[in-house]
Amino acid sequence: MLSLEDEHLLRQKLFDLRQEHRDLDTAIEALRASPTCDEFMLSRMKKRKLLLKDMIQKTSSQLIPDMNA
């Protein structure tokens, strides 16, 4: 069971990760629209976005209480 402080920290981390994910999505779209699109940078940004998605899922699952069957 998480303490209130731990839950607050996880929720803040989740908020920050989601914000970074959204910001990165915006940056990827802007880079794609650029006539001088750097494919290497685009690839790195997409990989970072996937990593963030995994981190969001992991953090979200930590907030779900364990259920004893």
N, C-alpha and C. Protein backbone atom coordinates (compact mmCIF):
# COMPACT_ATOMS: atom_id res chain seq x y z
N MET A 1 0.85 -1.18 0.00
CA MET A 1 0.00 0.00 0.00
C MET A 1 0.89 1.24 0.00
N LEU A 2 0.54 2.19 -0.84
CA LEU A 2 1.31 3.42 -0.95
C LEU A 2 0.92 4.43 0.13
N SER A 3 1.91 5.13 0.63
CA SER A 3 1.59 6.23 1.54
C SER A 3 1.04 7.38 0.69
N LEU A 4 0.40 8.31 1.33
CA LEU A 4 -0.15 9.46 0.61
C LEU A 4 0.95 10.25 -0.10
N GLU A 5 2.09 10.35 0.56
CA GLU A 5 3.22 11.07 -0.04
C GLU A 5 3.74 10.34 -1.28
N ASP A 6 3.87 9.01 -1.19
CA ASP A 6 4.33 8.22 -2.33
C ASP A 6 3.34 8.31 -3.50
N GLU A 7 2.06 8.26 -3.16
CA GLU A 7 1.03 8.36 -4.20
C GLU A 7 1.10 9.73 -4.87
N HIS A 8 1.28 10.76 -4.07
CA HIS A 8 1.39 12.11 -4.62
C HIS A 8 2.60 12.21 -5.55
N LEU A 9 3.72 11.65 -5.13
CA LEU A 9 4.93 11.70 -5.97
C LEU A 9 4.74 10.94 -7.28
N LEU A 10 4.07 9.79 -7.20
CA LEU A 10 3.81 9.02 -8.42
C LEU A 10 2.86 9.76 -9.35
N ARG A 11 1.85 10.39 -8.78
CA ARG A 11 0.91 11.16 -9.61
C ARG A 11 1.60 12.36 -10.27
N GLN A 12 2.51 12.99 -9.54
CA GLN A 12 3.27 14.11 -10.11
C GLN A 12 4.19 13.61 -11.23
N LYS A 13 4.83 12.47 -11.00
CA LYS A 13 5.70 11.88 -12.02
C LYS A 13 4.88 11.53 -13.26
N LEU A 14 3.71 10.97 -13.05
CA LEU A 14 2.82 10.60 -14.15
C LEU A 14 2.41 11.84 -14.94
N PHE A 15 2.07 12.90 -14.24
CA PHE A 15 1.71 14.16 -14.89
C PHE A 15 2.88 14.67 -15.73
N ASP A 16 4.08 14.66 -15.16
CA ASP A 16 5.27 15.14 -15.87
C ASP A 16 5.57 14.30 -17.11
N LEU A 17 5.45 12.98 -16.98
CA LEU A 17 5.69 12.09 -18.11
C LEU A 17 4.68 12.34 -19.23
N ARG A 18 3.42 12.49 -18.86
CA ARG A 18 2.38 12.75 -19.87
C ARG A 18 2.61 14.09 -20.55
N GLN A 19 3.03 15.08 -19.79
CA GLN A 19 3.31 16.40 -20.37
C GLN A 19 4.47 16.31 -21.36
N GLU A 20 5.53 15.61 -20.98
CA GLU A 20 6.67 15.46 -21.87
C GLU A 20 6.26 14.69 -23.13
N HIS A 21 5.41 13.68 -22.97
CA HIS A 21 4.92 12.89 -24.10
C HIS A 21 4.15 13.79 -25.08
N ARG A 22 3.27 14.64 -24.54
CA ARG A 22 2.50 15.56 -25.38
C ARG A 22 3.42 16.56 -26.08
N ASP A 23 4.37 17.10 -25.32
CA ASP A 23 5.31 18.07 -25.90
C ASP A 23 6.13 17.44 -27.02
N LEU A 24 6.54 16.21 -26.80
CA LEU A 24 7.32 15.51 -27.81
C LEU A 24 6.48 15.23 -29.05
N ASP A 25 5.22 14.90 -28.85
CA ASP A 25 4.31 14.68 -29.97
C ASP A 25 4.20 15.95 -30.82
N THR A 26 4.07 17.07 -30.16
CA THR A 26 4.00 18.36 -30.87
C THR A 26 5.30 18.64 -31.62
N ALA A 27 6.43 18.35 -30.99
CA ALA A 27 7.73 18.58 -31.63
C ALA A 27 7.92 17.66 -32.84
N ILE A 28 7.46 16.42 -32.73
CA ILE A 28 7.58 15.48 -33.85
C ILE A 28 6.75 15.98 -35.03
N GLU A 29 5.54 16.43 -34.77
CA GLU A 29 4.69 16.94 -35.85
C GLU A 29 5.31 18.17 -36.50
N ALA A 30 5.90 19.04 -35.70
CA ALA A 30 6.55 20.24 -36.24
C ALA A 30 7.75 19.85 -37.09
N LEU A 31 8.51 18.87 -36.64
CA LEU A 31 9.68 18.43 -37.41
C LEU A 31 9.26 17.79 -38.71
N ARG A 32 8.20 16.99 -38.68
CA ARG A 32 7.69 16.36 -39.91
C ARG A 32 7.25 17.42 -40.93
N ALA A 33 6.70 18.50 -40.44
CA ALA A 33 6.19 19.55 -41.33
C ALA A 33 7.31 20.42 -41.90
N SER A 34 8.47 20.31 -41.31
CA SER A 34 9.61 21.12 -41.75
C SER A 34 10.13 20.61 -43.09
N PRO A 35 10.45 21.53 -43.99
CA PRO A 35 10.99 21.10 -45.30
C PRO A 35 12.38 20.46 -45.17
N THR A 36 13.07 20.75 -44.07
CA THR A 36 14.40 20.17 -43.86
C THR A 36 14.35 19.17 -42.70
N CYS A 37 13.42 18.25 -42.78
CA CYS A 37 13.21 17.26 -41.70
C CYS A 37 14.45 16.40 -41.52
N ASP A 38 14.97 16.38 -40.30
CA ASP A 38 16.12 15.56 -39.95
C ASP A 38 15.62 14.18 -39.53
N GLU A 39 15.80 13.19 -40.40
CA GLU A 39 15.27 11.85 -40.14
C GLU A 39 15.90 11.21 -38.91
N PHE A 40 17.18 11.47 -38.66
CA PHE A 40 17.83 10.92 -37.48
C PHE A 40 17.20 11.49 -36.21
N MET A 41 16.99 12.79 -36.18
CA MET A 41 16.37 13.43 -35.02
C MET A 41 14.94 12.93 -34.85
N LEU A 42 14.23 12.78 -35.95
CA LEU A 42 12.86 12.28 -35.90
C LEU A 42 12.83 10.87 -35.29
N SER A 43 13.76 10.04 -35.70
CA SER A 43 13.84 8.68 -35.18
C SER A 43 14.13 8.69 -33.68
N ARG A 44 15.04 9.53 -33.24
CA ARG A 44 15.37 9.62 -31.81
C ARG A 44 14.18 10.11 -31.00
N MET A 45 13.44 11.07 -31.55
CA MET A 45 12.27 11.60 -30.84
C MET A 45 11.18 10.53 -30.72
N LYS A 46 11.00 9.76 -31.78
CA LYS A 46 9.99 8.69 -31.74
C LYS A 46 10.36 7.62 -30.72
N LYS A 47 11.64 7.28 -30.65
CA LYS A 47 12.08 6.30 -29.66
C LYS A 47 11.86 6.82 -28.24
N ARG A 48 12.15 8.09 -28.03
CA ARG A 48 11.93 8.70 -26.71
C ARG A 48 10.45 8.67 -26.36
N LYS A 49 9.60 8.96 -27.35
CA LYS A 49 8.17 8.96 -27.13
C LYS A 49 7.68 7.56 -26.73
N LEU A 50 8.21 6.52 -27.37
CA LEU A 50 7.85 5.14 -27.00
C LEU A 50 8.33 4.81 -25.58
N LEU A 51 9.51 5.25 -25.24
CA LEU A 51 10.03 5.03 -23.89
C LEU A 51 9.13 5.72 -22.87
N LEU A 52 8.72 6.94 -23.18
CA LEU A 52 7.82 7.66 -22.27
C LEU A 52 6.50 6.92 -22.11
N LYS A 53 5.99 6.37 -23.21
CA LYS A 53 4.73 5.63 -23.13
C LYS A 53 4.87 4.44 -22.18
N ASP A 54 5.99 3.73 -22.29
CA ASP A 54 6.24 2.60 -21.38
C ASP A 54 6.34 3.07 -19.93
N MET A 55 7.02 4.18 -19.72
CA MET A 55 7.18 4.72 -18.37
C MET A 55 5.83 5.15 -17.81
N ILE A 56 4.97 5.73 -18.65
CA ILE A 56 3.62 6.13 -18.22
C ILE A 56 2.82 4.91 -17.80
N GLN A 57 2.88 3.84 -18.59
CA GLN A 57 2.15 2.62 -18.25
C GLN A 57 2.65 2.02 -16.95
N LYS A 58 3.96 1.99 -16.78
CA LYS A 58 4.54 1.42 -15.55
C LYS A 58 4.14 2.24 -14.33
N THR A 59 4.22 3.56 -14.46
CA THR A 59 3.86 4.43 -13.34
C THR A 59 2.38 4.33 -13.03
N SER A 60 1.55 4.25 -14.05
CA SER A 60 0.10 4.11 -13.85
C SER A 60 -0.20 2.81 -13.10
N SER A 61 0.48 1.75 -13.47
CA SER A 61 0.21 0.46 -12.82
C SER A 61 0.63 0.47 -11.35
N GLN A 62 1.61 1.30 -11.01
CA GLN A 62 2.02 1.40 -9.60
C GLN A 62 0.95 2.09 -8.75
N LEU A 63 0.08 2.85 -9.38
CA LEU A 63 -0.97 3.54 -8.65
C LEU A 63 -2.20 2.67 -8.43
N ILE A 64 -2.27 1.54 -9.13
CA ILE A 64 -3.41 0.64 -8.97
C ILE A 64 -3.13 -0.29 -7.80
N PRO A 65 -4.02 -0.31 -6.81
CA PRO A 65 -3.77 -1.16 -5.63
C PRO A 65 -3.82 -2.65 -6.00
N ASP A 66 -2.98 -3.42 -5.33
CA ASP A 66 -2.98 -4.87 -5.54
C ASP A 66 -4.26 -5.45 -4.96
N MET A 67 -4.86 -6.36 -5.71
CA MET A 67 -6.07 -7.01 -5.24
C MET A 67 -5.73 -8.46 -4.88
N ASN A 68 -6.05 -8.85 -3.67
CA ASN A 68 -5.83 -10.24 -3.27
C ASN A 68 -7.01 -11.07 -3.75
N ALA A 69 -6.70 -12.16 -4.45
CA ALA A 69 -7.75 -13.01 -5.00
C ALA A 69 -8.28 -13.95 -3.95
